[in-house]
Amino acid sequence: MDTMCGRFAVTTDPARLAAELDAVDEVSTVTGSTDDVEDPAERKEAPRTPGVNYNVAPTSSVMTVVARHSHDHPDDDPALRIRAMRWGLVPAWSKEIGKGPLLFNARAETVTEKSAFRASVKSRRCLVPMDGWYEWRKGGAGADGKPTKTPYFMSPQDGSRVFMAGLWSVWRPRAADNGGDGGSGQNGAPVLSCTIITADAVGDLRGIHDRMPLIMPFETWTEWLDPDHPAPTELLGPPAPDVAAAIDIREVSTLVNKVANNSPDLLAPVEPHPEQGTLL
């Protein structure tokens, strides 16, 4: 598991995102089970509805974009769907949620090899929409002798949204656990979960961290989300230089360090530290 890309911000809600993408909203319209999910085994109680969140952290319920066939019309082309998932992939073979590593990131270079991700990368690939993500740049030792960490927010220069490559999984509690909640928090119902894929950082982003979430440009969505065919291996390569060049990098307040802080103030630029003023 990679340790970066552990926070991001999103300022839209499922209904608006579905309208923008001409996708099926399986979040806002769901109060019980998702009746139009193509696999009846994937029908589930919806997790807490995700929406505007300026400080999204692992284990949160997040919006994802998938392409899936309709259960009632399996021969139709797959349709884009907005689904709520737990951020932190739970492999289908896990005995219990919360006992293993918190798989909120997956390295692009090894995602096809790791047992936690191999099944998902074949046919359960997704996109995780966000306005941008936070990263902490390590500096010199502070008063406590530990390296300082300065938070930055990375987002498109044109104010648009970015969609990160991700994987998802369906976890089902064992039959013996069905008398309780099976660790799902949903009375034993299946749990959908996801992870964000990371790659080597490129361009100026390398000045913040050596890794970055894998941005998936719009023209690659069809191949990446295709549930019937593997994704081309080249889609797992580092982002193109022009993709990274379109990302704005700004220092933000240390308020983001605490997950409990959640407001637009987290996105506001602050004056750079003197020793970092010429970084970018």
C-alpha atoms as a PDB file:
ATOM      1  CA  MET A   1       0.000   0.000   0.000  1.00  0.00           C
ATOM      2  CA  ASP A   2       1.226   3.457  -0.849  1.00  0.00           C
ATOM      3  CA  THR A   3       0.905   6.070   1.876  1.00  0.00           C
ATOM      4  CA  MET A   4       0.159   9.132  -0.234  1.00  0.00           C
ATOM      5  CA  CYS A   5      -3.099  10.562  -1.543  1.00  0.00           C
ATOM      6  CA  GLY A   6      -4.844  10.130   1.767  1.00  0.00           C
ATOM      7  CA  ARG A   7      -7.046  13.237   1.591  1.00  0.00           C
ATOM      8  CA  PHE A   8      -9.006  15.029  -1.096  1.00  0.00           C
ATOM      9  CA  ALA A   9     -11.830  17.532  -1.564  1.00  0.00           C
ATOM     10  CA  VAL A  10     -15.045  17.287  -3.550  1.00  0.00           C
ATOM     11  CA  THR A  11     -17.619  20.071  -3.919  1.00  0.00           C
ATOM     12  CA  THR A  12     -20.406  18.377  -5.825  1.00  0.00           C
ATOM     13  CA  ASP A  13     -23.127  15.897  -4.940  1.00  0.00           C
ATOM     14  CA  PRO A  14     -24.203  12.639  -6.621  1.00  0.00           C
ATOM     15  CA  ALA A  15     -27.254  14.101  -8.360  1.00  0.00           C
ATOM     16  CA  ARG A  16     -25.336  16.975  -9.921  1.00  0.00           C
ATOM     17  CA  LEU A  17     -22.444  14.740 -10.935  1.00  0.00           C
ATOM     18  CA  ALA A  18     -24.852  12.270 -12.541  1.00  0.00           C
ATOM     19  CA  ALA A  19     -26.451  15.100 -14.518  1.00  0.00           C
ATOM     20  CA  GLU A  20     -23.054  16.363 -15.690  1.00  0.00           C
ATOM     21  CA  LEU A  21     -21.971  12.915 -16.882  1.00  0.00           C
ATOM     22  CA  ASP A  22     -25.385  11.706 -18.103  1.00  0.00           C
ATOM     23  CA  ALA A  23     -24.985   8.852 -15.635  1.00  0.00           C
ATOM     24  CA  VAL A  24     -27.405   6.828 -13.514  1.00  0.00           C
ATOM     25  CA  ASP A  25     -27.489   8.185  -9.955  1.00  0.00           C
ATOM     26  CA  GLU A  26     -27.443   5.121  -7.697  1.00  0.00           C
ATOM     27  CA  VAL A  27     -26.771   7.212  -4.606  1.00  0.00           C
ATOM     28  CA  SER A  28     -29.399   9.934  -4.256  1.00  0.00           C
ATOM     29  CA  THR A  29     -32.234   7.724  -5.489  1.00  0.00           C
ATOM     30  CA  VAL A  30     -31.360   4.745  -3.313  1.00  0.00           C
ATOM     31  CA  THR A  31     -33.086   4.294   0.017  1.00  0.00           C
ATOM     32  CA  GLY A  32     -32.911   0.518   0.176  1.00  0.00           C
ATOM     33  CA  SER A  33     -31.319  -1.693  -2.452  1.00  0.00           C
ATOM     34  CA  THR A  34     -30.019  -0.717  -5.867  1.00  0.00           C
ATOM     35  CA  ASP A  35     -32.623  -2.401  -8.056  1.00  0.00           C
ATOM     36  CA  ASP A  36     -30.880  -1.702 -11.348  1.00  0.00           C
ATOM     37  CA  VAL A  37     -27.494  -3.168 -10.401  1.00  0.00           C
ATOM     38  CA  GLU A  38     -26.702  -5.827 -12.984  1.00  0.00           C
ATOM     39  CA  ASP A  39     -25.576  -8.427 -10.424  1.00  0.00           C
ATOM     40  CA  PRO A  40     -28.241  -9.135  -7.769  1.00  0.00           C
ATOM     41  CA  ALA A  41     -25.431 -10.038  -5.375  1.00  0.00           C
ATOM     42  CA  GLU A  42     -24.226  -6.430  -5.599  1.00  0.00           C
ATOM     43  CA  ARG A  43     -27.546  -4.984  -4.421  1.00  0.00           C
ATOM     44  CA  LYS A  44     -26.923  -3.507  -1.043  1.00  0.00           C
ATOM     45  CA  GLU A  45     -27.917  -1.003   1.556  1.00  0.00           C
ATOM     46  CA  ALA A  46     -26.444   2.307   0.485  1.00  0.00           C
ATOM     47  CA  PRO A  47     -23.675   3.645   2.764  1.00  0.00           C
ATOM     48  CA  ARG A  48     -23.952   7.133   4.200  1.00  0.00           C
ATOM     49  CA  THR A  49     -24.630   9.405   1.259  1.00  0.00           C
ATOM     50  CA  PRO A  50     -21.417  11.093   0.118  1.00  0.00           C
ATOM     51  CA  GLY A  51     -21.492  14.698  -0.989  1.00  0.00           C
ATOM     52  CA  VAL A  52     -19.635  17.967  -0.520  1.00  0.00           C
ATOM     53  CA  ASN A  53     -16.606  17.282   1.664  1.00  0.00           C
ATOM     54  CA  TYR A  54     -13.501  19.455   1.915  1.00  0.00           C
ATOM     55  CA  ASN A  55     -11.486  16.902   3.867  1.00  0.00           C
ATOM     56  CA  VAL A  56     -12.257  13.404   2.624  1.00  0.00           C
ATOM     57  CA  ALA A  57     -10.296  10.764   4.526  1.00  0.00           C
ATOM     58  CA  PRO A  58     -10.015   6.971   4.203  1.00  0.00           C
ATOM     59  CA  THR A  59     -13.043   4.951   5.381  1.00  0.00           C
ATOM     60  CA  SER A  60     -15.324   7.816   4.272  1.00  0.00           C
ATOM     61  CA  SER A  61     -18.178   7.077   1.891  1.00  0.00           C
ATOM     62  CA  VAL A  62     -17.148   8.534  -1.474  1.00  0.00           C
ATOM     63  CA  MET A  63     -18.669   8.930  -4.922  1.00  0.00           C
ATOM     64  CA  THR A  64     -17.347   6.721  -7.688  1.00  0.00           C
ATOM     65  CA  VAL A  65     -18.105   6.373 -11.392  1.00  0.00           C
ATOM     66  CA  VAL A  66     -18.472   2.879 -12.855  1.00  0.00           C
ATOM     67  CA  ALA A  67     -19.739   1.473 -16.147  1.00  0.00           C
ATOM     68  CA  ARG A  68     -22.017  -1.540 -15.676  1.00  0.00           C
ATOM     69  CA  HIS A  69     -24.684  -3.430 -17.557  1.00  0.00           C
ATOM     70  CA  SER A  70     -28.295  -3.266 -16.478  1.00  0.00           C
ATOM     71  CA  HIS A  71     -29.554  -6.344 -14.646  1.00  0.00           C
ATOM     72  CA  ASP A  72     -32.807  -6.200 -16.612  1.00  0.00           C
ATOM     73  CA  HIS A  73     -31.088  -5.622 -19.961  1.00  0.00           C
ATOM     74  CA  PRO A  74     -27.682  -7.330 -19.749  1.00  0.00           C
ATOM     75  CA  ASP A  75     -27.140  -7.150 -23.514  1.00  0.00           C
ATOM     76  CA  ASP A  76     -27.336  -3.366 -23.555  1.00  0.00           C
ATOM     77  CA  ASP A  77     -24.174  -1.287 -23.573  1.00  0.00           C
ATOM     78  CA  PRO A  78     -22.828  -0.592 -20.077  1.00  0.00           C
ATOM     79  CA  ALA A  79     -24.009   2.714 -18.637  1.00  0.00           C
ATOM     80  CA  LEU A  80     -22.164   5.157 -16.433  1.00  0.00           C
ATOM     81  CA  ARG A  81     -23.365   4.919 -12.841  1.00  0.00           C
ATOM     82  CA  ILE A  82     -22.608   6.961  -9.747  1.00  0.00           C
ATOM     83  CA  ARG A  83     -22.139   4.714  -6.727  1.00  0.00           C
ATOM     84  CA  ALA A  84     -21.267   5.304  -3.099  1.00  0.00           C
ATOM     85  CA  MET A  85     -18.358   3.224  -1.817  1.00  0.00           C
ATOM     86  CA  ARG A  86     -16.188   2.968   1.263  1.00  0.00           C
ATOM     87  CA  TRP A  87     -12.765   4.472   0.564  1.00  0.00           C
ATOM     88  CA  GLY A  88     -10.372   1.677   1.470  1.00  0.00           C
ATOM     89  CA  LEU A  89     -10.747  -1.450  -0.639  1.00  0.00           C
ATOM     90  CA  VAL A  90     -11.847  -4.587   1.184  1.00  0.00           C
ATOM     91  CA  PRO A  91     -10.872  -7.670  -0.874  1.00  0.00           C
ATOM     92  CA  ALA A  92     -13.687 -10.159  -1.359  1.00  0.00           C
ATOM     93  CA  TRP A  93     -11.668 -12.809   0.486  1.00  0.00           C
ATOM     94  CA  SER A  94     -11.240 -10.730   3.646  1.00  0.00           C
ATOM     95  CA  LYS A  95     -12.692 -12.358   6.731  1.00  0.00           C
ATOM     96  CA  GLU A  96     -13.575  -9.086   8.399  1.00  0.00           C
ATOM     97  CA  ILE A  97     -13.569  -5.384   7.641  1.00  0.00           C
ATOM     98  CA  GLY A  98     -11.021  -3.312   9.490  1.00  0.00           C
ATOM     99  CA  LYS A  99      -8.614  -6.098  10.435  1.00  0.00           C
ATOM    100  CA  GLY A 100      -6.203  -5.866   7.509  1.00  0.00           C
ATOM    101  CA  PRO A 101      -4.306  -2.973   5.884  1.00  0.00           C
ATOM    102  CA  LEU A 102      -6.351   0.085   4.960  1.00  0.00           C
ATOM    103  CA  LEU A 103      -6.049  -0.193   1.182  1.00  0.00           C
ATOM    104  CA  PHE A 104      -6.935   3.353   0.189  1.00  0.00           C
ATOM    105  CA  ASN A 105      -4.142   3.484  -2.428  1.00  0.00           C
ATOM    106  CA  ALA A 106      -2.805   0.928  -4.910  1.00  0.00           C
ATOM    107  CA  ARG A 107       0.477   1.278  -6.793  1.00  0.00           C
ATOM    108  CA  ALA A 108      -0.044   1.248 -10.568  1.00  0.00           C
ATOM    109  CA  GLU A 109       3.173  -0.708 -11.094  1.00  0.00           C
ATOM    110  CA  THR A 110       2.052  -3.711  -9.042  1.00  0.00           C
ATOM    111  CA  VAL A 111      -1.733  -3.538  -9.106  1.00  0.00           C
ATOM    112  CA  THR A 112      -2.018  -6.515 -11.475  1.00  0.00           C
ATOM    113  CA  GLU A 113       0.184  -8.637  -9.208  1.00  0.00           C
ATOM    114  CA  LYS A 114      -1.125  -7.990  -5.709  1.00  0.00           C
ATOM    115  CA  SER A 115      -3.726 -10.463  -4.485  1.00  0.00           C
ATOM    116  CA  ALA A 116      -5.822  -7.655  -3.005  1.00  0.00           C
ATOM    117  CA  PHE A 117      -6.270  -6.001  -6.408  1.00  0.00           C
ATOM    118  CA  ARG A 118      -5.881  -8.653  -9.124  1.00  0.00           C
ATOM    119  CA  ALA A 119      -9.573  -9.525  -9.334  1.00  0.00           C
ATOM    120  CA  SER A 120     -10.698  -5.907  -9.346  1.00  0.00           C
ATOM    121  CA  VAL A 121      -8.300  -4.750 -12.047  1.00  0.00           C
ATOM    122  CA  LYS A 122      -9.811  -7.271 -14.477  1.00  0.00           C
ATOM    123  CA  SER A 123     -13.385  -5.961 -14.512  1.00  0.00           C
ATOM    124  CA  ARG A 124     -14.067  -3.674 -11.547  1.00  0.00           C
ATOM    125  CA  ARG A 125     -12.325  -0.441 -12.378  1.00  0.00           C
ATOM    126  CA  CYS A 126     -13.768   2.926 -11.434  1.00  0.00           C
ATOM    127  CA  LEU A 127     -13.138   6.655 -11.337  1.00  0.00           C
ATOM    128  CA  VAL A 128     -13.035   8.729  -8.162  1.00  0.00           C
ATOM    129  CA  PRO A 129     -14.109  12.332  -8.849  1.00  0.00           C
ATOM    130  CA  MET A 130     -12.608  15.174  -6.861  1.00  0.00           C
ATOM    131  CA  ASP A 131     -11.854  18.880  -7.065  1.00  0.00           C
ATOM    132  CA  GLY A 132      -8.289  18.167  -6.023  1.00  0.00           C
ATOM    133  CA  TRP A 133      -6.128  16.343  -3.528  1.00  0.00           C
ATOM    134  CA  TYR A 134      -3.910  17.263  -0.591  1.00  0.00           C
ATOM    135  CA  GLU A 135      -0.310  16.263  -0.112  1.00  0.00           C
ATOM    136  CA  TRP A 136       2.277  17.079   2.528  1.00  0.00           C
ATOM    137  CA  ARG A 137       5.799  18.131   1.518  1.00  0.00           C
ATOM    138  CA  LYS A 138       8.489  17.072   3.943  1.00  0.00           C
ATOM    139  CA  GLY A 139      10.931  19.748   5.080  1.00  0.00           C
ATOM    140  CA  GLY A 140      13.745  20.111   7.568  1.00  0.00           C
ATOM    141  CA  ALA A 141      13.552  19.069  11.178  1.00  0.00           C
ATOM    142  CA  GLY A 142      11.196  21.021  13.382  1.00  0.00           C
ATOM    143  CA  ALA A 143      11.472  21.883  17.068  1.00  0.00           C
ATOM    144  CA  ASP A 144      10.617  18.291  17.955  1.00  0.00           C
ATOM    145  CA  GLY A 145      13.382  16.941  15.739  1.00  0.00           C
ATOM    146  CA  LYS A 146      10.940  15.432  13.273  1.00  0.00           C
ATOM    147  CA  PRO A 147      10.665  16.535   9.611  1.00  0.00           C
ATOM    148  CA  THR A 148       8.176  19.334   9.071  1.00  0.00           C
ATOM    149  CA  LYS A 149       5.226  18.647   6.785  1.00  0.00           C
ATOM    150  CA  THR A 150       3.666  21.466   4.782  1.00  0.00           C
ATOM    151  CA  PRO A 151       0.227  20.823   3.220  1.00  0.00           C
ATOM    152  CA  TYR A 152      -0.495  21.606  -0.428  1.00  0.00           C
ATOM    153  CA  PHE A 153      -3.636  21.357  -2.518  1.00  0.00           C
ATOM    154  CA  MET A 154      -3.404  20.206  -6.122  1.00  0.00           C
ATOM    155  CA  SER A 155      -6.287  20.988  -8.481  1.00  0.00           C
ATOM    156  CA  PRO A 156      -6.951  21.771 -12.173  1.00  0.00           C
ATOM    157  CA  GLN A 157      -5.889  25.274 -13.142  1.00  0.00           C
ATOM    158  CA  ASP A 158      -9.150  25.800 -15.020  1.00  0.00           C
ATOM    159  CA  GLY A 159     -11.292  24.994 -11.986  1.00  0.00           C
ATOM    160  CA  SER A 160     -12.663  21.794 -13.458  1.00  0.00           C
ATOM    161  CA  ARG A 161     -12.876  18.414 -11.743  1.00  0.00           C
ATOM    162  CA  VAL A 162     -10.358  15.557 -11.929  1.00  0.00           C
ATOM    163  CA  PHE A 163     -11.206  11.868 -12.076  1.00  0.00           C
ATOM    164  CA  MET A 164      -8.711   9.453 -10.572  1.00  0.00           C
ATOM    165  CA  ALA A 165      -8.281   5.842 -11.640  1.00  0.00           C
ATOM    166  CA  GLY A 166      -9.569   3.453  -9.021  1.00  0.00           C
ATOM    167  CA  LEU A 167     -10.570  -0.137  -8.365  1.00  0.00           C
ATOM    168  CA  TRP A 168     -13.554  -1.458  -6.485  1.00  0.00           C
ATOM    169  CA  SER A 169     -14.695  -4.636  -4.811  1.00  0.00           C
ATOM    170  CA  VAL A 170     -17.743  -6.270  -3.245  1.00  0.00           C
ATOM    171  CA  TRP A 171     -17.264  -7.746   0.219  1.00  0.00           C
ATOM    172  CA  ARG A 172     -19.848 -10.064   1.720  1.00  0.00           C
ATOM    173  CA  PRO A 173     -19.928 -11.187   5.342  1.00  0.00           C
ATOM    174  CA  ARG A 174     -19.534 -14.892   5.962  1.00  0.00           C
ATOM    175  CA  ALA A 175     -22.714 -16.837   6.646  1.00  0.00           C
ATOM    176  CA  ALA A 176     -21.647 -17.330  10.244  1.00  0.00           C
ATOM    177  CA  ASP A 177     -21.582 -13.552  10.684  1.00  0.00           C
ATOM    178  CA  ASN A 178     -25.031 -12.886   9.294  1.00  0.00           C
ATOM    179  CA  GLY A 179     -26.559 -12.778  12.724  1.00  0.00           C
ATOM    180  CA  GLY A 180     -24.689  -9.508  13.278  1.00  0.00           C
ATOM    181  CA  ASP A 181     -23.458  -6.818  10.988  1.00  0.00           C
ATOM    182  CA  GLY A 182     -20.474  -8.832   9.721  1.00  0.00           C
ATOM    183  CA  GLY A 183     -18.321  -5.776  10.236  1.00  0.00           C
ATOM    184  CA  SER A 184     -20.189  -3.998   7.446  1.00  0.00           C
ATOM    185  CA  GLY A 185     -22.262  -1.661   9.556  1.00  0.00           C
ATOM    186  CA  GLN A 186     -25.156  -2.512   7.256  1.00  0.00           C
ATOM    187  CA  ASN A 187     -26.721  -5.471   9.080  1.00  0.00           C
ATOM    188  CA  GLY A 188     -24.735  -8.024   7.145  1.00  0.00           C
ATOM    189  CA  ALA A 189     -25.307  -6.523   3.700  1.00  0.00           C
ATOM    190  CA  PRO A 190     -22.539  -6.560   1.078  1.00  0.00           C
ATOM    191  CA  VAL A 191     -20.162  -3.594   1.149  1.00  0.00           C
ATOM    192  CA  LEU A 192     -18.794  -1.825  -1.915  1.00  0.00           C
ATOM    193  CA  SER A 193     -15.330  -0.362  -1.407  1.00  0.00           C
ATOM    194  CA  CYS A 194     -12.678   1.291  -3.554  1.00  0.00           C
ATOM    195  CA  THR A 195      -9.047   2.310  -3.757  1.00  0.00           C
ATOM    196  CA  ILE A 196      -7.285   5.104  -5.666  1.00  0.00           C
ATOM    197  CA  ILE A 197      -4.398   4.105  -7.923  1.00  0.00           C
ATOM    198  CA  THR A 198      -1.147   6.056  -7.619  1.00  0.00           C
ATOM    199  CA  ALA A 199       1.766   6.476 -10.033  1.00  0.00           C
ATOM    200  CA  ASP A 200       5.135   8.206 -10.126  1.00  0.00           C
ATOM    201  CA  ALA A 201       4.694  11.953  -9.889  1.00  0.00           C
ATOM    202  CA  VAL A 202       5.562  13.967 -12.982  1.00  0.00           C
ATOM    203  CA  GLY A 203       6.507  17.576 -13.665  1.00  0.00           C
ATOM    204  CA  ASP A 204       6.333  20.107 -10.834  1.00  0.00           C
ATOM    205  CA  LEU A 205       4.284  17.664  -8.750  1.00  0.00           C
ATOM    206  CA  ARG A 206       7.537  15.834  -7.981  1.00  0.00           C
ATOM    207  CA  GLY A 207       8.511  18.792  -5.820  1.00  0.00           C
ATOM    208  CA  ILE A 208       5.735  17.895  -3.403  1.00  0.00           C
ATOM    209  CA  HIS A 209       5.795  14.095  -3.348  1.00  0.00           C
ATOM    210  CA  ASP A 210       7.286  11.322  -5.442  1.00  0.00           C
ATOM    211  CA  ARG A 211       3.836   9.785  -5.984  1.00  0.00           C
ATOM    212  CA  MET A 212       0.512  11.161  -7.232  1.00  0.00           C
ATOM    213  CA  PRO A 213      -2.977   9.811  -7.867  1.00  0.00           C
ATOM    214  CA  LEU A 214      -3.389   8.504 -11.412  1.00  0.00           C
ATOM    215  CA  ILE A 215      -5.442  11.084 -13.319  1.00  0.00           C
ATOM    216  CA  MET A 216      -7.623   9.447 -15.975  1.00  0.00           C
ATOM    217  CA  PRO A 217      -8.323  11.854 -18.899  1.00  0.00           C
ATOM    218  CA  PHE A 218     -11.822  11.794 -20.400  1.00  0.00           C
ATOM    219  CA  GLU A 219     -10.685  10.221 -23.672  1.00  0.00           C
ATOM    220  CA  THR A 220      -9.541   7.104 -21.791  1.00  0.00           C
ATOM    221  CA  TRP A 221     -12.706   6.555 -19.745  1.00  0.00           C
ATOM    222  CA  THR A 222     -14.376   4.081 -22.096  1.00  0.00           C
ATOM    223  CA  GLU A 223     -11.430   1.701 -22.076  1.00  0.00           C
ATOM    224  CA  TRP A 224     -10.718   2.134 -18.384  1.00  0.00           C
ATOM    225  CA  LEU A 225     -14.292   1.538 -17.225  1.00  0.00           C
ATOM    226  CA  ASP A 226     -15.149  -1.236 -19.713  1.00  0.00           C
ATOM    227  CA  PRO A 227     -16.477  -4.103 -17.533  1.00  0.00           C
ATOM    228  CA  ASP A 228     -16.131  -6.657 -20.321  1.00  0.00           C
ATOM    229  CA  HIS A 229     -12.470  -6.257 -21.278  1.00  0.00           C
ATOM    230  CA  PRO A 230      -9.151  -5.657 -19.509  1.00  0.00           C
ATOM    231  CA  ALA A 231      -7.837  -2.108 -19.605  1.00  0.00           C
ATOM    232  CA  PRO A 232      -4.844  -1.427 -21.864  1.00  0.00           C
ATOM    233  CA  THR A 233      -1.688  -1.661 -19.776  1.00  0.00           C
ATOM    234  CA  GLU A 234      -0.540   1.756 -20.967  1.00  0.00           C
ATOM    235  CA  LEU A 235      -3.365   3.345 -18.974  1.00  0.00           C
ATOM    236  CA  LEU A 236      -1.485   2.392 -15.809  1.00  0.00           C
ATOM    237  CA  GLY A 237       1.542   4.468 -16.797  1.00  0.00           C
ATOM    238  CA  PRO A 238       2.369   7.841 -15.199  1.00  0.00           C
ATOM    239  CA  PRO A 239       0.204  10.772 -16.323  1.00  0.00           C
ATOM    240  CA  ALA A 240       1.329  12.591 -19.469  1.00  0.00           C
ATOM    241  CA  PRO A 241       3.373  15.755 -18.831  1.00  0.00           C
ATOM    242  CA  ASP A 242       0.605  17.975 -20.199  1.00  0.00           C
ATOM    243  CA  VAL A 243      -1.892  16.465 -17.755  1.00  0.00           C
ATOM    244  CA  ALA A 244       0.372  17.277 -14.818  1.00  0.00           C
ATOM    245  CA  ALA A 245       1.197  20.723 -16.224  1.00  0.00           C
ATOM    246  CA  ALA A 246      -2.501  21.619 -16.027  1.00  0.00           C
ATOM    247  CA  ILE A 247      -2.519  21.098 -12.256  1.00  0.00           C
ATOM    248  CA  ASP A 248      -2.208  24.095  -9.926  1.00  0.00           C
ATOM    249  CA  ILE A 249      -0.150  23.615  -6.758  1.00  0.00           C
ATOM    250  CA  ARG A 250      -0.733  25.867  -3.775  1.00  0.00           C
ATOM    251  CA  GLU A 251       0.208  25.789  -0.134  1.00  0.00           C
ATOM    252  CA  VAL A 252      -2.786  25.643   2.206  1.00  0.00           C
ATOM    253  CA  SER A 253      -3.466  25.936   5.910  1.00  0.00           C
ATOM    254  CA  THR A 254      -2.444  23.270   8.409  1.00  0.00           C
ATOM    255  CA  LEU A 255      -6.123  23.165   9.363  1.00  0.00           C
ATOM    256  CA  VAL A 256      -6.359  20.293   6.885  1.00  0.00           C
ATOM    257  CA  ASN A 257      -4.183  18.199   9.193  1.00  0.00           C
ATOM    258  CA  LYS A 258      -7.239  17.447  11.326  1.00  0.00           C
ATOM    259  CA  VAL A 259     -10.019  15.475   9.635  1.00  0.00           C
ATOM    260  CA  ALA A 260     -12.568  17.187  11.889  1.00  0.00           C
ATOM    261  CA  ASN A 261     -11.870  20.470  10.083  1.00  0.00           C
ATOM    262  CA  ASN A 262     -14.131  20.619   7.043  1.00  0.00           C
ATOM    263  CA  SER A 263     -14.845  23.931   5.320  1.00  0.00           C
ATOM    264  CA  PRO A 264     -13.921  25.921   2.188  1.00  0.00           C
ATOM    265  CA  ASP A 265     -11.185  27.567   4.251  1.00  0.00           C
ATOM    266  CA  LEU A 266      -9.100  24.439   3.749  1.00  0.00           C
ATOM    267  CA  LEU A 267      -8.738  25.242   0.041  1.00  0.00           C
ATOM    268  CA  ALA A 268      -7.639  28.848   0.507  1.00  0.00           C
ATOM    269  CA  PRO A 269      -3.994  29.593  -0.412  1.00  0.00           C
ATOM    270  CA  VAL A 270      -1.654  30.807   2.299  1.00  0.00           C
ATOM    271  CA  GLU A 271       1.631  32.658   2.089  1.00  0.00           C
ATOM    272  CA  PRO A 272       4.391  30.130   1.336  1.00  0.00           C
ATOM    273  CA  HIS A 273       6.951  29.373   4.003  1.00  0.00           C
ATOM    274  CA  PRO A 274      10.067  31.506   3.350  1.00  0.00           C
ATOM    275  CA  GLU A 275      12.261  28.482   2.646  1.00  0.00           C
ATOM    276  CA  GLN A 276       9.696  27.175   0.156  1.00  0.00           C
ATOM    277  CA  GLY A 277       8.741  30.384  -1.590  1.00  0.00           C
ATOM    278  CA  THR A 278      10.678  29.557  -4.746  1.00  0.00           C
ATOM    279  CA  LEU A 279       9.780  25.873  -4.912  1.00  0.00           C
ATOM    280  CA  LEU A 280       7.408  26.135  -7.860  1.00  0.00           C
END
